[in-house]
Amino acid sequence: MLRRLTTTAALVGFTAALTACGPNNPKPPPFTPSAPTSAPSTTPPTVSAPQKEAGDGAQAGYRAYLAAVTATQASGGTKDAQLSQVATGPILKSELEQATIFRKRKWRGTGQIVVIWTKPLKTGTVGQDGHIDEVTVQACFDSSKSITVDAAGKSVKKPGTPTRWLDEMQMRRDGDVWKAHFGVNKAAKC
């Protein structure tokens, strides 16, 4: 995608490991409730109601943002008014610039971006109003079905351009709407 500031820094470390499985033991042992264990607890952290509400809202806002970007690109950049409903700050500026490029070059987007998964990566603190106003959403998306074409209908995608992306988007609550504010993405096998 030609849309955001990118970084080459790793966004997240993968820490899950299945120690009970291996080449000599392809199946995990049966669960025995009374068996002692020295493994660290795998209980997920407790999520408060405001955290869950904010995380769910931010993820829905992220998906709405991607849908609006896709629609703007499909219009050749002419229908960019919807971007201000799903984005703010640096991302809004970047997407409006991208829409201008599409108009000037007579490009348009075809196909859809497929969101493979999303999750709240970092949640802000609960404010005095009982709400959380900032959540960083991490997402994996596939852009292989989303192609930008020129006026003649030929792809402008350079050969070898990655199609899987790991995105980290800071979402901010604006009233009852979650908007994309700042993000980084990198090509990844996610």
N, C-alpha and C. Protein backbone atom coordinates (compact mmCIF):
# COMPACT_ATOMS: atom_id res chain seq x y z
N MET A 1 0.85 -1.18 0.00
CA MET A 1 0.00 0.00 0.00
C MET A 1 0.89 1.23 0.00
N LEU A 2 0.43 2.27 -0.62
CA LEU A 2 1.20 3.50 -0.74
C LEU A 2 0.68 4.54 0.23
N ARG A 3 0.51 4.24 1.48
CA ARG A 3 -0.27 5.17 2.27
C ARG A 3 0.37 5.71 3.52
N ARG A 4 1.18 5.02 4.23
CA ARG A 4 1.58 5.49 5.54
C ARG A 4 3.07 5.56 5.73
N LEU A 5 3.44 6.20 6.80
CA LEU A 5 4.81 6.19 7.24
C LEU A 5 5.16 4.75 7.61
N THR A 6 6.34 4.31 7.26
CA THR A 6 6.70 2.94 7.58
C THR A 6 7.94 2.92 8.44
N THR A 7 8.16 1.80 9.06
CA THR A 7 9.34 1.61 9.89
C THR A 7 9.86 0.21 9.67
N THR A 8 11.16 0.05 9.83
CA THR A 8 11.73 -1.29 9.72
C THR A 8 11.91 -1.93 11.07
N ALA A 9 11.63 -1.20 12.13
CA ALA A 9 11.76 -1.77 13.46
C ALA A 9 10.70 -2.84 13.68
N ALA A 10 11.05 -3.83 14.42
CA ALA A 10 10.08 -4.88 14.73
C ALA A 10 8.97 -4.30 15.58
N LEU A 11 7.74 -4.66 15.26
CA LEU A 11 6.60 -4.10 15.96
C LEU A 11 6.22 -4.92 17.18
N VAL A 12 6.46 -6.19 17.09
CA VAL A 12 6.06 -7.01 18.23
C VAL A 12 6.88 -8.28 18.22
N GLY A 13 7.22 -8.78 19.37
CA GLY A 13 7.96 -10.04 19.46
C GLY A 13 7.01 -11.19 19.65
N PHE A 14 7.38 -12.30 19.08
CA PHE A 14 6.53 -13.49 19.22
C PHE A 14 7.06 -14.30 20.37
N THR A 15 6.25 -14.50 21.41
CA THR A 15 6.74 -15.14 22.61
C THR A 15 6.06 -16.46 22.96
N ALA A 16 5.09 -16.88 22.16
CA ALA A 16 4.39 -18.11 22.52
C ALA A 16 5.23 -19.32 22.14
N ALA A 17 5.27 -20.33 22.98
CA ALA A 17 5.99 -21.56 22.68
C ALA A 17 5.23 -22.72 23.29
N LEU A 18 5.21 -23.82 22.56
CA LEU A 18 4.59 -25.03 23.09
C LEU A 18 5.71 -25.98 23.50
N THR A 19 6.00 -26.02 24.79
CA THR A 19 7.12 -26.82 25.25
C THR A 19 6.79 -28.30 25.34
N ALA A 20 5.53 -28.65 25.41
CA ALA A 20 5.17 -30.06 25.54
C ALA A 20 5.23 -30.79 24.21
N CYS A 21 5.24 -30.06 23.08
CA CYS A 21 5.26 -30.68 21.77
C CYS A 21 6.67 -30.59 21.20
N GLY A 22 7.01 -31.51 20.35
CA GLY A 22 8.31 -31.50 19.70
C GLY A 22 8.38 -32.66 18.74
N PRO A 23 9.54 -32.86 18.12
CA PRO A 23 9.65 -33.93 17.12
C PRO A 23 9.43 -35.31 17.72
N ASN A 24 9.78 -35.50 18.99
CA ASN A 24 9.59 -36.81 19.62
C ASN A 24 8.22 -36.96 20.25
N ASN A 25 7.51 -35.87 20.38
CA ASN A 25 6.19 -35.89 21.01
C ASN A 25 5.29 -34.92 20.24
N PRO A 26 4.75 -35.32 19.07
CA PRO A 26 3.97 -34.39 18.25
C PRO A 26 2.64 -33.99 18.85
N LYS A 27 2.14 -34.75 19.81
CA LYS A 27 0.87 -34.40 20.44
C LYS A 27 1.14 -33.93 21.86
N PRO A 28 0.40 -32.93 22.32
CA PRO A 28 0.56 -32.52 23.70
C PRO A 28 0.06 -33.63 24.62
N PRO A 29 0.64 -33.73 25.81
CA PRO A 29 0.16 -34.74 26.75
C PRO A 29 -1.26 -34.43 27.17
N PRO A 30 -2.01 -35.46 27.60
CA PRO A 30 -3.38 -35.20 28.06
C PRO A 30 -3.35 -34.29 29.28
N PHE A 31 -4.40 -33.50 29.42
CA PHE A 31 -4.51 -32.57 30.53
C PHE A 31 -4.78 -33.33 31.82
N THR A 32 -3.97 -33.08 32.82
CA THR A 32 -4.14 -33.68 34.13
C THR A 32 -4.24 -32.55 35.13
N PRO A 33 -5.44 -32.28 35.67
CA PRO A 33 -5.61 -31.13 36.55
C PRO A 33 -4.73 -31.15 37.79
N SER A 34 -4.42 -32.33 38.32
CA SER A 34 -3.66 -32.37 39.57
C SER A 34 -2.15 -32.43 39.35
N ALA A 35 -1.71 -32.51 38.10
CA ALA A 35 -0.28 -32.62 37.84
C ALA A 35 0.41 -31.29 38.16
N PRO A 36 1.53 -31.34 38.90
CA PRO A 36 2.25 -30.10 39.19
C PRO A 36 2.90 -29.58 37.92
N THR A 37 3.07 -28.29 37.88
CA THR A 37 3.69 -27.68 36.71
C THR A 37 4.66 -26.59 37.15
N SER A 38 5.73 -26.45 36.41
CA SER A 38 6.66 -25.37 36.70
C SER A 38 6.62 -24.32 35.61
N ALA A 39 5.76 -24.52 34.62
CA ALA A 39 5.63 -23.56 33.53
C ALA A 39 4.96 -22.29 34.04
N PRO A 40 5.31 -21.14 33.46
CA PRO A 40 4.64 -19.90 33.86
C PRO A 40 3.16 -19.94 33.51
N SER A 41 2.42 -19.16 34.22
CA SER A 41 0.98 -19.10 33.99
C SER A 41 0.68 -18.58 32.59
N THR A 42 -0.26 -19.21 31.91
CA THR A 42 -0.67 -18.74 30.59
C THR A 42 -2.03 -18.08 30.65
N THR A 43 -2.47 -17.75 31.84
CA THR A 43 -3.74 -17.07 32.01
C THR A 43 -3.64 -15.68 31.40
N PRO A 44 -4.56 -15.34 30.49
CA PRO A 44 -4.49 -14.00 29.90
C PRO A 44 -4.73 -12.93 30.95
N PRO A 45 -4.16 -11.76 30.75
CA PRO A 45 -4.39 -10.69 31.72
C PRO A 45 -5.88 -10.33 31.78
N THR A 46 -6.29 -9.91 32.94
CA THR A 46 -7.68 -9.50 33.12
C THR A 46 -7.93 -8.21 32.34
N VAL A 47 -9.02 -8.17 31.62
CA VAL A 47 -9.38 -7.00 30.84
C VAL A 47 -10.60 -6.36 31.47
N SER A 48 -10.49 -5.09 31.78
CA SER A 48 -11.62 -4.37 32.39
C SER A 48 -12.67 -4.08 31.32
N ALA A 49 -13.87 -3.74 31.79
CA ALA A 49 -14.95 -3.40 30.87
C ALA A 49 -14.58 -2.21 29.97
N PRO A 50 -13.98 -1.13 30.53
CA PRO A 50 -13.57 -0.03 29.64
C PRO A 50 -12.51 -0.45 28.62
N GLN A 51 -11.59 -1.34 29.00
CA GLN A 51 -10.57 -1.81 28.06
C GLN A 51 -11.20 -2.63 26.94
N LYS A 52 -12.14 -3.51 27.30
CA LYS A 52 -12.79 -4.33 26.29
C LYS A 52 -13.60 -3.45 25.34
N GLU A 53 -14.36 -2.51 25.90
CA GLU A 53 -15.18 -1.62 25.08
C GLU A 53 -14.29 -0.80 24.14
N ALA A 54 -13.19 -0.26 24.66
CA ALA A 54 -12.27 0.54 23.84
C ALA A 54 -11.60 -0.33 22.78
N GLY A 55 -11.15 -1.50 23.16
CA GLY A 55 -10.50 -2.40 22.20
C GLY A 55 -11.44 -2.80 21.08
N ASP A 56 -12.66 -3.17 21.43
CA ASP A 56 -13.65 -3.54 20.40
C ASP A 56 -13.96 -2.36 19.48
N GLY A 57 -14.15 -1.19 20.07
CA GLY A 57 -14.46 0.01 19.28
C GLY A 57 -13.31 0.40 18.36
N ALA A 58 -12.08 0.33 18.88
CA ALA A 58 -10.92 0.70 18.09
C ALA A 58 -10.72 -0.27 16.93
N GLN A 59 -10.94 -1.55 17.16
CA GLN A 59 -10.81 -2.53 16.08
C GLN A 59 -11.86 -2.30 14.99
N ALA A 60 -13.09 -2.01 15.40
CA ALA A 60 -14.15 -1.70 14.43
C ALA A 60 -13.80 -0.41 13.67
N GLY A 61 -13.26 0.57 14.37
CA GLY A 61 -12.84 1.82 13.73
C GLY A 61 -11.72 1.60 12.72
N TYR A 62 -10.81 0.70 13.05
CA TYR A 62 -9.71 0.38 12.13
C TYR A 62 -10.26 -0.24 10.85
N ARG A 63 -11.18 -1.17 10.99
CA ARG A 63 -11.78 -1.81 9.81
C ARG A 63 -12.55 -0.78 8.97
N ALA A 64 -13.25 0.15 9.63
CA ALA A 64 -13.97 1.20 8.91
C ALA A 64 -12.99 2.11 8.18
N TYR A 65 -11.87 2.39 8.80
CA TYR A 65 -10.82 3.19 8.17
C TYR A 65 -10.33 2.52 6.89
N LEU A 66 -9.98 1.23 6.96
CA LEU A 66 -9.50 0.52 5.77
C LEU A 66 -10.57 0.49 4.67
N ALA A 67 -11.81 0.32 5.06
CA ALA A 67 -12.90 0.31 4.07
C ALA A 67 -13.01 1.67 3.38
N ALA A 68 -12.87 2.75 4.15
CA ALA A 68 -12.95 4.10 3.56
C ALA A 68 -11.77 4.37 2.63
N VAL A 69 -10.59 3.92 3.01
CA VAL A 69 -9.41 4.08 2.16
C VAL A 69 -9.63 3.32 0.85
N THR A 70 -10.12 2.09 0.94
CA THR A 70 -10.38 1.28 -0.25
C THR A 70 -11.40 1.96 -1.15
N ALA A 71 -12.47 2.50 -0.57
CA ALA A 71 -13.51 3.18 -1.35
C ALA A 71 -12.96 4.45 -2.00
N THR A 72 -12.13 5.19 -1.28
CA THR A 72 -11.54 6.40 -1.84
C THR A 72 -10.65 6.06 -3.03
N GLN A 73 -9.85 5.02 -2.88
CA GLN A 73 -8.98 4.62 -3.98
C GLN A 73 -9.79 4.10 -5.16
N ALA A 74 -10.86 3.38 -4.89
CA ALA A 74 -11.73 2.87 -5.97
C ALA A 74 -12.35 4.01 -6.77
N SER A 75 -12.57 5.15 -6.10
CA SER A 75 -13.15 6.30 -6.79
C SER A 75 -12.11 7.10 -7.56
N GLY A 76 -10.87 6.64 -7.53
CA GLY A 76 -9.81 7.40 -8.18
C GLY A 76 -9.40 8.61 -7.36
N GLY A 77 -9.73 8.60 -6.08
CA GLY A 77 -9.38 9.71 -5.19
C GLY A 77 -10.41 10.83 -5.17
N THR A 78 -11.49 10.68 -5.93
CA THR A 78 -12.48 11.77 -6.00
C THR A 78 -13.41 11.81 -4.80
N LYS A 79 -13.65 10.68 -4.19
CA LYS A 79 -14.56 10.63 -3.03
C LYS A 79 -13.75 10.49 -1.76
N ASP A 80 -13.11 11.60 -1.38
CA ASP A 80 -12.25 11.57 -0.20
C ASP A 80 -12.87 12.20 1.05
N ALA A 81 -14.09 12.70 0.95
CA ALA A 81 -14.74 13.34 2.10
C ALA A 81 -14.94 12.36 3.25
N GLN A 82 -15.14 11.09 2.93
CA GLN A 82 -15.38 10.09 3.97
C GLN A 82 -14.15 9.84 4.85
N LEU A 83 -12.98 10.22 4.37
CA LEU A 83 -11.76 9.97 5.13
C LEU A 83 -11.76 10.71 6.47
N SER A 84 -12.30 11.91 6.50
CA SER A 84 -12.32 12.67 7.76
C SER A 84 -13.27 12.04 8.80
N GLN A 85 -14.11 11.13 8.36
CA GLN A 85 -15.00 10.44 9.30
C GLN A 85 -14.31 9.26 9.97
N VAL A 86 -13.16 8.81 9.42
CA VAL A 86 -12.48 7.62 9.94
C VAL A 86 -11.02 7.87 10.29
N ALA A 87 -10.50 9.06 9.99
CA ALA A 87 -9.09 9.35 10.23
C ALA A 87 -8.93 10.78 10.72
N THR A 88 -7.80 11.00 11.39
CA THR A 88 -7.48 12.31 11.93
C THR A 88 -5.96 12.47 11.94
N GLY A 89 -5.49 13.67 12.17
CA GLY A 89 -4.06 13.91 12.33
C GLY A 89 -3.22 13.49 11.14
N PRO A 90 -2.04 12.91 11.40
CA PRO A 90 -1.10 12.55 10.33
C PRO A 90 -1.68 11.56 9.31
N ILE A 91 -2.49 10.62 9.76
CA ILE A 91 -3.04 9.64 8.83
C ILE A 91 -4.05 10.31 7.89
N LEU A 92 -4.88 11.19 8.40
CA LEU A 92 -5.82 11.89 7.54
C LEU A 92 -5.06 12.69 6.48
N LYS A 93 -4.03 13.41 6.92
CA LYS A 93 -3.23 14.19 5.97
C LYS A 93 -2.63 13.26 4.91
N SER A 94 -2.06 12.15 5.32
CA SER A 94 -1.44 11.20 4.39
C SER A 94 -2.45 10.64 3.40
N GLU A 95 -3.64 10.28 3.88
CA GLU A 95 -4.66 9.71 3.00
C GLU A 95 -5.21 10.74 2.02
N LEU A 96 -5.34 11.99 2.46
CA LEU A 96 -5.79 13.04 1.54
C LEU A 96 -4.74 13.31 0.46
N GLU A 97 -3.46 13.26 0.84
CA GLU A 97 -2.39 13.40 -0.14
C GLU A 97 -2.42 12.24 -1.13
N GLN A 98 -2.67 11.05 -0.63
CA GLN A 98 -2.75 9.87 -1.49
C GLN A 98 -3.92 10.01 -2.48
N ALA A 99 -5.06 10.51 -2.02
CA ALA A 99 -6.21 10.73 -2.89
C ALA A 99 -5.86 11.73 -4.00
N THR A 100 -5.10 12.76 -3.65
CA THR A 100 -4.67 13.74 -4.65
C THR A 100 -3.78 13.08 -5.71
N ILE A 101 -2.88 12.22 -5.27
CA ILE A 101 -2.01 11.50 -6.21
C ILE A 101 -2.86 10.65 -7.15
N PHE A 102 -3.85 9.96 -6.61
CA PHE A 102 -4.73 9.13 -7.44
C PHE A 102 -5.45 9.98 -8.49
N ARG A 103 -5.95 11.15 -8.08
CA ARG A 103 -6.65 12.03 -9.03
C ARG A 103 -5.70 12.52 -10.13
N LYS A 104 -4.54 13.02 -9.73
CA LYS A 104 -3.59 13.58 -10.70
C LYS A 104 -3.08 12.53 -11.69
N ARG A 105 -2.83 11.33 -11.20
CA ARG A 105 -2.27 10.29 -12.07
C ARG A 105 -3.34 9.44 -12.76
N LYS A 106 -4.59 9.75 -12.44
CA LYS A 106 -5.74 9.01 -12.99
C LYS A 106 -5.66 7.52 -12.65
N TRP A 107 -5.30 7.26 -11.39
CA TRP A 107 -5.24 5.90 -10.87
C TRP A 107 -6.57 5.59 -10.19
N ARG A 108 -6.84 4.33 -10.05
CA ARG A 108 -7.96 3.91 -9.22
C ARG A 108 -7.63 2.55 -8.64
N GLY A 109 -8.22 2.29 -7.49
CA GLY A 109 -8.01 1.01 -6.82
C GLY A 109 -9.07 0.01 -7.26
N THR A 110 -8.66 -1.24 -7.34
CA THR A 110 -9.60 -2.32 -7.64
C THR A 110 -9.44 -3.38 -6.56
N GLY A 111 -10.47 -4.15 -6.33
CA GLY A 111 -10.39 -5.23 -5.34
C GLY A 111 -10.51 -4.74 -3.91
N GLN A 112 -10.24 -5.63 -3.00
CA GLN A 112 -10.41 -5.34 -1.58
C GLN A 112 -9.17 -5.72 -0.77
N ILE A 113 -8.96 -5.01 0.29
CA ILE A 113 -7.97 -5.38 1.29
C ILE A 113 -8.67 -6.34 2.24
N VAL A 114 -8.03 -7.45 2.55
CA VAL A 114 -8.63 -8.44 3.45
C VAL A 114 -7.91 -8.35 4.79
N VAL A 115 -8.66 -8.06 5.83
CA VAL A 115 -8.11 -8.03 7.17
C VAL A 115 -8.10 -9.47 7.69
N ILE A 116 -6.92 -9.99 7.97
CA ILE A 116 -6.77 -11.35 8.46
C ILE A 116 -7.13 -11.41 9.95
N TRP A 117 -6.59 -10.49 10.73
CA TRP A 117 -6.91 -10.40 12.15
C TRP A 117 -6.56 -9.01 12.68
N THR A 118 -7.19 -8.67 13.79
CA THR A 118 -6.86 -7.44 14.52
C THR A 118 -6.84 -7.77 16.00
N LYS A 119 -6.11 -6.97 16.74
CA LYS A 119 -6.13 -7.10 18.20
C LYS A 119 -5.67 -5.78 18.80
N PRO A 120 -6.23 -5.46 19.99
CA PRO A 120 -5.73 -4.28 20.68
C PRO A 120 -4.35 -4.60 21.24
N LEU A 121 -3.36 -3.80 20.89
CA LEU A 121 -2.00 -4.04 21.32
C LEU A 121 -1.66 -3.26 22.58
N LYS A 122 -2.15 -2.04 22.64
CA LYS A 122 -1.86 -1.15 23.77
C LYS A 122 -3.10 -0.30 24.02
N THR A 123 -3.51 -0.23 25.26
CA THR A 123 -4.71 0.52 25.61
C THR A 123 -4.34 1.67 26.53
N GLY A 124 -4.88 2.84 26.25
CA GLY A 124 -4.64 4.01 27.10
C GLY A 124 -5.31 3.84 28.45
N THR A 125 -5.20 4.85 29.26
CA THR A 125 -5.78 4.81 30.60
C THR A 125 -7.22 5.28 30.59
N VAL A 126 -7.95 4.86 31.59
CA VAL A 126 -9.35 5.26 31.74
C VAL A 126 -9.38 6.71 32.21
N GLY A 127 -10.12 7.54 31.49
CA GLY A 127 -10.24 8.95 31.84
C GLY A 127 -11.28 9.18 32.93
N GLN A 128 -11.44 10.41 33.33
CA GLN A 128 -12.41 10.76 34.37
C GLN A 128 -13.84 10.44 33.95
N ASP A 129 -14.08 10.40 32.64
CA ASP A 129 -15.42 10.09 32.16
C ASP A 129 -15.68 8.57 32.11
N GLY A 130 -14.68 7.77 32.51
CA GLY A 130 -14.84 6.32 32.53
C GLY A 130 -14.52 5.66 31.20
N HIS A 131 -14.05 6.43 30.22
CA HIS A 131 -13.74 5.90 28.90
C HIS A 131 -12.24 5.94 28.62
N ILE A 132 -11.82 5.11 27.72
CA ILE A 132 -10.46 5.13 27.20
C ILE A 132 -10.51 5.79 25.84
N ASP A 133 -9.60 6.72 25.60
CA ASP A 133 -9.64 7.50 24.36
C ASP A 133 -8.56 7.13 23.34
N GLU A 134 -7.67 6.19 23.69
CA GLU A 134 -6.61 5.82 22.76
C GLU A 134 -6.29 4.34 22.87
N VAL A 135 -6.24 3.68 21.73
CA VAL A 135 -5.89 2.27 21.65
C VAL A 135 -5.02 2.08 20.42
N THR A 136 -3.93 1.33 20.58
CA THR A 136 -3.13 0.95 19.43
C THR A 136 -3.61 -0.43 18.98
N VAL A 137 -4.03 -0.50 17.74
CA VAL A 137 -4.53 -1.74 17.16
C VAL A 137 -3.43 -2.32 16.28
N GLN A 138 -3.19 -3.61 16.46
CA GLN A 138 -2.27 -4.31 15.56
C GLN A 138 -3.13 -5.17 14.65
N ALA A 139 -2.76 -5.20 13.39
CA ALA A 139 -3.55 -5.96 12.41
C ALA A 139 -2.65 -6.58 11.36
N CYS A 140 -3.13 -7.67 10.84
CA CYS A 140 -2.50 -8.30 9.69
C CYS A 140 -3.49 -8.17 8.54
N PHE A 141 -3.02 -7.65 7.41
CA PHE A 141 -3.92 -7.58 6.27
C PHE A 141 -3.22 -8.03 5.01
N ASP A 142 -4.04 -8.47 4.07
CA ASP A 142 -3.58 -8.99 2.79
C ASP A 142 -4.06 -8.05 1.69
N SER A 143 -3.12 -7.51 0.94
CA SER A 143 -3.48 -6.59 -0.14
C SER A 143 -3.34 -7.22 -1.52
N SER A 144 -3.24 -8.56 -1.58
CA SER A 144 -3.02 -9.22 -2.87
C SER A 144 -4.19 -9.05 -3.83
N LYS A 145 -5.38 -8.84 -3.31
CA LYS A 145 -6.57 -8.66 -4.16
C LYS A 145 -6.87 -7.19 -4.42
N SER A 146 -6.06 -6.30 -3.90
CA SER A 146 -6.24 -4.87 -4.05
C SER A 146 -5.14 -4.33 -4.97
N ILE A 147 -5.51 -3.96 -6.18
CA ILE A 147 -4.54 -3.53 -7.18
C ILE A 147 -4.87 -2.10 -7.61
N THR A 148 -3.84 -1.28 -7.72
CA THR A 148 -4.00 0.07 -8.25
C THR A 148 -3.67 0.02 -9.73
N VAL A 149 -4.57 0.58 -10.54
CA VAL A 149 -4.39 0.57 -11.99
C VAL A 149 -4.38 2.00 -12.52
N ASP A 150 -3.75 2.17 -13.68
CA ASP A 150 -3.71 3.47 -14.32
C ASP A 150 -4.95 3.65 -15.21
N ALA A 151 -4.99 4.75 -15.95
CA ALA A 151 -6.16 5.05 -16.79
C ALA A 151 -6.39 3.98 -17.85
N ALA A 152 -5.35 3.28 -18.25
CA ALA A 152 -5.48 2.22 -19.26
C ALA A 152 -5.84 0.87 -18.63
N GLY A 153 -5.95 0.83 -17.31
CA GLY A 153 -6.30 -0.41 -16.63
C GLY A 153 -5.12 -1.31 -16.31
N LYS A 154 -3.89 -0.79 -16.49
CA LYS A 154 -2.70 -1.58 -16.19
C LYS A 154 -2.25 -1.33 -14.75
N SER A 155 -1.83 -2.41 -14.10
CA SER A 155 -1.37 -2.32 -12.72
C SER A 155 -0.16 -1.40 -12.61
N VAL A 156 -0.15 -0.57 -11.56
CA VAL A 156 1.01 0.27 -11.28
C VAL A 156 1.86 -0.34 -10.16
N LYS A 157 1.46 -1.50 -9.71
CA LYS A 157 2.20 -2.19 -8.64
C LYS A 157 3.52 -2.70 -9.19
N LYS A 158 4.59 -2.39 -8.49
CA LYS A 158 5.91 -2.84 -8.90
C LYS A 158 6.05 -4.34 -8.60
N PRO A 159 6.69 -5.08 -9.50
CA PRO A 159 6.90 -6.50 -9.24
C PRO A 159 7.65 -6.71 -7.92
N GLY A 160 7.23 -7.71 -7.18
CA GLY A 160 7.87 -8.02 -5.91
C GLY A 160 7.32 -7.23 -4.73
N THR A 161 6.34 -6.37 -4.96
CA THR A 161 5.75 -5.61 -3.86
C THR A 161 5.07 -6.60 -2.90
N PRO A 162 5.37 -6.50 -1.61
CA PRO A 162 4.74 -7.42 -0.65
C PRO A 162 3.22 -7.26 -0.65
N THR A 163 2.55 -8.32 -0.25
CA THR A 163 1.08 -8.28 -0.18
C THR A 163 0.57 -8.53 1.24
N ARG A 164 1.40 -8.99 2.14
CA ARG A 164 0.99 -9.18 3.53
C ARG A 164 1.67 -8.11 4.37
N TRP A 165 0.88 -7.48 5.23
CA TRP A 165 1.38 -6.36 6.03
C TRP A 165 0.97 -6.51 7.49
N LEU A 166 1.89 -6.16 8.36
CA LEU A 166 1.61 -6.07 9.79
C LEU A 166 1.50 -4.59 10.09
N ASP A 167 0.33 -4.18 10.53
CA ASP A 167 0.01 -2.78 10.73
C ASP A 167 -0.12 -2.51 12.22
N GLU A 168 0.35 -1.37 12.64
CA GLU A 168 0.18 -0.91 14.02
C GLU A 168 -0.39 0.50 13.94
N MET A 169 -1.66 0.63 14.30
CA MET A 169 -2.36 1.90 14.11
C MET A 169 -2.85 2.45 15.45
N GLN A 170 -2.46 3.68 15.73
CA GLN A 170 -2.97 4.37 16.91
C GLN A 170 -4.35 4.89 16.57
N MET A 171 -5.35 4.43 17.31
CA MET A 171 -6.73 4.85 17.12
C MET A 171 -7.10 5.79 18.26
N ARG A 172 -7.83 6.85 17.91
CA ARG A 172 -8.29 7.80 18.93
C ARG A 172 -9.80 7.94 18.87
N ARG A 173 -10.38 8.00 20.05
CA ARG A 173 -11.84 8.16 20.14
C ARG A 173 -12.18 9.62 19.95
N ASP A 174 -13.14 9.88 19.05
CA ASP A 174 -13.63 11.22 18.77
C ASP A 174 -15.13 11.16 18.98
N GLY A 175 -15.58 11.51 20.19
CA GLY A 175 -16.99 11.31 20.54
C GLY A 175 -17.25 9.82 20.63
N ASP A 176 -18.13 9.32 19.81
CA ASP A 176 -18.42 7.88 19.79
C ASP A 176 -17.74 7.16 18.64
N VAL A 177 -16.86 7.85 17.92
CA VAL A 177 -16.23 7.27 16.73
C VAL A 177 -14.73 7.08 16.99
N TRP A 178 -14.22 5.91 16.63
CA TRP A 178 -12.79 5.65 16.71
C TRP A 178 -12.18 5.96 15.35
N LYS A 179 -11.13 6.82 15.35
CA LYS A 179 -10.48 7.24 14.11
C LYS A 179 -9.00 6.87 14.12
N ALA A 180 -8.50 6.50 12.95
CA ALA A 180 -7.07 6.25 12.79
C ALA A 180 -6.34 7.58 12.93
N HIS A 181 -5.23 7.57 13.68
CA HIS A 181 -4.49 8.80 13.92
C HIS A 181 -3.04 8.73 13.40
N PHE A 182 -2.35 7.68 13.75
CA PHE A 182 -0.95 7.53 13.34
C PHE A 182 -0.62 6.05 13.24
N GLY A 183 0.10 5.67 12.21
CA GLY A 183 0.40 4.26 12.06
C GLY A 183 1.69 3.97 11.35
N VAL A 184 2.16 2.78 11.58
CA VAL A 184 3.31 2.24 10.87
C VAL A 184 2.94 0.84 10.40
N ASN A 185 3.52 0.45 9.28
CA ASN A 185 3.29 -0.92 8.84
C ASN A 185 4.56 -1.43 8.19
N LYS A 186 4.65 -2.73 8.11
CA LYS A 186 5.78 -3.35 7.45
C LYS A 186 5.32 -4.65 6.83
N ALA A 187 6.02 -5.04 5.78
CA ALA A 187 5.73 -6.31 5.15
C ALA A 187 6.04 -7.41 6.17
N ALA A 188 5.15 -8.40 6.25
CA ALA A 188 5.34 -9.47 7.22
C ALA A 188 4.57 -10.71 6.82
N LYS A 189 5.01 -11.83 7.29
CA LYS A 189 4.28 -13.08 7.11
C LYS A 189 3.41 -13.25 8.35
N CYS A 190 2.24 -12.71 8.31
CA CYS A 190 1.37 -12.76 9.48
C CYS A 190 0.09 -13.51 9.14
